[in-house]
Amino acid sequence: MVVHVELAIARGRTAQTKSRLTRAVLELVERHTAKAAGLVVHASVDVRDLGDAYTESVTTP
C-alpha cells in the first residue's frame, strides 16, 4: 500500500517547521496504518508553500 500526503501551507514557515510538520504527519499515517496486518505500507509526506495564485475566501454566518 502506498500513502502519500501533500500539504500546502501559507508562506513564511521555516524549513525546520516544515520538517517537524512532515514528521508529525508521517507518524500519524504510520499509527493509522499499523493495523493493516500483512501489508507493507510505503508512506511519504510533502509540504510546500501555497503558490502565488492561491486565493482564499471565508464566509461566516
N, C-alpha and C. Protein backbone atom coordinates (compact mmCIF):
# COMPACT_ATOMS: atom_id res chain seq x y z
N MET A 1 0.84 -1.16 0.00
CA MET A 1 0.00 0.00 0.00
C MET A 1 0.90 1.24 0.00
N VAL A 2 0.49 2.23 -0.77
CA VAL A 2 1.22 3.49 -0.81
C VAL A 2 0.30 4.59 -0.29
N VAL A 3 0.80 5.36 0.67
CA VAL A 3 0.07 6.51 1.20
C VAL A 3 0.97 7.72 1.03
N HIS A 4 0.48 8.70 0.30
CA HIS A 4 1.24 9.94 0.11
C HIS A 4 0.35 11.11 0.51
N VAL A 5 0.87 11.98 1.37
CA VAL A 5 0.13 13.15 1.83
C VAL A 5 0.84 14.40 1.33
N GLU A 6 0.08 15.29 0.69
CA GLU A 6 0.62 16.57 0.25
C GLU A 6 -0.05 17.67 1.04
N LEU A 7 0.75 18.55 1.63
CA LEU A 7 0.23 19.67 2.39
C LEU A 7 0.71 20.96 1.74
N ALA A 8 -0.19 21.91 1.61
CA ALA A 8 0.17 23.24 1.11
C ALA A 8 -0.16 24.23 2.22
N ILE A 9 0.83 24.97 2.64
CA ILE A 9 0.64 25.90 3.75
C ILE A 9 1.06 27.30 3.34
N ALA A 10 0.59 28.29 4.08
CA ALA A 10 0.94 29.68 3.79
C ALA A 10 2.45 29.87 3.90
N ARG A 11 2.96 30.75 3.08
CA ARG A 11 4.39 31.03 3.08
C ARG A 11 4.85 31.62 4.40
N GLY A 12 6.14 31.51 4.64
CA GLY A 12 6.72 32.14 5.82
C GLY A 12 7.16 31.15 6.88
N ARG A 13 6.84 29.87 6.71
CA ARG A 13 7.27 28.87 7.68
C ARG A 13 8.71 28.50 7.40
N THR A 14 9.47 28.25 8.44
CA THR A 14 10.87 27.86 8.28
C THR A 14 10.97 26.42 7.81
N ALA A 15 12.13 26.07 7.28
CA ALA A 15 12.38 24.69 6.88
C ALA A 15 12.24 23.76 8.07
N GLN A 16 12.67 24.21 9.24
CA GLN A 16 12.57 23.40 10.45
C GLN A 16 11.10 23.14 10.80
N THR A 17 10.25 24.14 10.69
CA THR A 17 8.83 23.96 10.98
C THR A 17 8.21 22.99 9.99
N LYS A 18 8.54 23.12 8.72
CA LYS A 18 8.00 22.21 7.71
C LYS A 18 8.47 20.78 7.97
N SER A 19 9.71 20.63 8.38
CA SER A 19 10.25 19.31 8.68
C SER A 19 9.52 18.67 9.87
N ARG A 20 9.27 19.47 10.91
CA ARG A 20 8.53 18.95 12.07
C ARG A 20 7.12 18.54 11.66
N LEU A 21 6.51 19.32 10.79
CA LEU A 21 5.16 19.00 10.32
C LEU A 21 5.15 17.71 9.52
N THR A 22 6.11 17.53 8.62
CA THR A 22 6.14 16.30 7.83
C THR A 22 6.35 15.08 8.72
N ARG A 23 7.22 15.20 9.72
CA ARG A 23 7.45 14.07 10.64
C ARG A 23 6.18 13.76 11.44
N ALA A 24 5.48 14.79 11.89
CA ALA A 24 4.26 14.57 12.67
C ALA A 24 3.18 13.90 11.83
N VAL A 25 3.03 14.33 10.59
CA VAL A 25 2.02 13.72 9.71
C VAL A 25 2.42 12.29 9.37
N LEU A 26 3.70 12.06 9.12
CA LEU A 26 4.17 10.71 8.82
C LEU A 26 3.91 9.77 10.01
N GLU A 27 4.16 10.24 11.22
CA GLU A 27 3.87 9.43 12.41
C GLU A 27 2.38 9.13 12.51
N LEU A 28 1.54 10.09 12.17
CA LEU A 28 0.10 9.90 12.20
C LEU A 28 -0.33 8.84 11.18
N VAL A 29 0.22 8.92 9.98
CA VAL A 29 -0.08 7.91 8.95
C VAL A 29 0.36 6.54 9.42
N GLU A 30 1.56 6.45 9.98
CA GLU A 30 2.07 5.17 10.46
C GLU A 30 1.18 4.60 11.56
N ARG A 31 0.73 5.44 12.46
CA ARG A 31 -0.13 4.99 13.55
C ARG A 31 -1.46 4.43 13.01
N HIS A 32 -2.01 5.10 12.00
CA HIS A 32 -3.31 4.69 11.47
C HIS A 32 -3.22 3.53 10.49
N THR A 33 -2.04 3.24 9.97
CA THR A 33 -1.91 2.11 9.05
C THR A 33 -1.27 0.90 9.72
N ALA A 34 -0.89 1.04 10.98
CA ALA A 34 -0.24 -0.07 11.69
C ALA A 34 -1.13 -1.30 11.79
N LYS A 35 -2.42 -1.10 11.77
CA LYS A 35 -3.37 -2.21 11.89
C LYS A 35 -3.61 -2.91 10.57
N ALA A 36 -2.96 -2.49 9.51
CA ALA A 36 -3.11 -3.11 8.20
C ALA A 36 -2.25 -4.37 8.16
N ALA A 37 -2.68 -5.36 8.88
CA ALA A 37 -1.92 -6.61 9.03
C ALA A 37 -1.61 -7.24 7.68
N GLY A 38 -0.37 -7.62 7.53
CA GLY A 38 0.06 -8.32 6.33
C GLY A 38 0.38 -7.41 5.15
N LEU A 39 0.22 -6.11 5.31
CA LEU A 39 0.51 -5.18 4.23
C LEU A 39 1.80 -4.42 4.50
N VAL A 40 2.56 -4.23 3.46
CA VAL A 40 3.72 -3.35 3.54
C VAL A 40 3.22 -1.96 3.18
N VAL A 41 3.46 -1.00 4.05
CA VAL A 41 2.98 0.36 3.83
C VAL A 41 4.15 1.28 3.53
N HIS A 42 4.10 1.91 2.37
CA HIS A 42 5.08 2.92 1.98
C HIS A 42 4.40 4.27 2.18
N ALA A 43 4.90 5.07 3.09
CA ALA A 43 4.27 6.35 3.40
C ALA A 43 5.24 7.49 3.14
N SER A 44 4.71 8.59 2.62
CA SER A 44 5.52 9.78 2.38
C SER A 44 4.66 11.02 2.59
N VAL A 45 5.34 12.12 2.89
CA VAL A 45 4.66 13.40 3.13
C VAL A 45 5.47 14.49 2.45
N ASP A 46 4.76 15.41 1.81
CA ASP A 46 5.41 16.56 1.17
C ASP A 46 4.70 17.82 1.62
N VAL A 47 5.45 18.81 2.06
CA VAL A 47 4.90 20.10 2.46
C VAL A 47 5.47 21.15 1.52
N ARG A 48 4.58 21.98 1.00
CA ARG A 48 5.03 23.05 0.10
C ARG A 48 4.32 24.35 0.47
N ASP A 49 4.87 25.44 -0.02
CA ASP A 49 4.25 26.74 0.16
C ASP A 49 3.13 26.90 -0.87
N LEU A 50 2.05 27.55 -0.47
CA LEU A 50 0.99 27.87 -1.42
C LEU A 50 1.55 28.79 -2.49
N GLY A 51 1.08 28.62 -3.71
CA GLY A 51 1.59 29.41 -4.83
C GLY A 51 1.03 30.82 -4.88
N ASP A 52 1.56 31.61 -5.81
CA ASP A 52 1.13 32.99 -5.98
C ASP A 52 -0.35 33.10 -6.37
N ALA A 53 -0.87 32.08 -7.01
CA ALA A 53 -2.26 32.12 -7.48
C ALA A 53 -3.25 31.73 -6.37
N TYR A 54 -2.77 31.39 -5.20
CA TYR A 54 -3.65 30.98 -4.11
C TYR A 54 -4.59 32.13 -3.74
N THR A 55 -5.86 31.79 -3.62
CA THR A 55 -6.88 32.75 -3.21
C THR A 55 -7.73 32.10 -2.12
N GLU A 56 -8.12 32.88 -1.15
CA GLU A 56 -8.88 32.35 -0.03
C GLU A 56 -10.17 33.14 0.13
N SER A 57 -11.22 32.45 0.54
CA SER A 57 -12.49 33.09 0.84
C SER A 57 -13.02 32.51 2.13
N VAL A 58 -13.44 33.37 3.04
CA VAL A 58 -14.01 32.92 4.31
C VAL A 58 -15.42 33.51 4.40
N THR A 59 -16.41 32.62 4.58
CA THR A 59 -17.79 33.06 4.71
C THR A 59 -18.25 32.73 6.11
N THR A 60 -18.79 33.72 6.79
CA THR A 60 -19.30 33.49 8.13
C THR A 60 -20.81 33.66 8.14
N PRO A 61 -21.49 32.93 9.02
CA PRO A 61 -22.96 33.03 9.07
C PRO A 61 -23.43 34.37 9.60
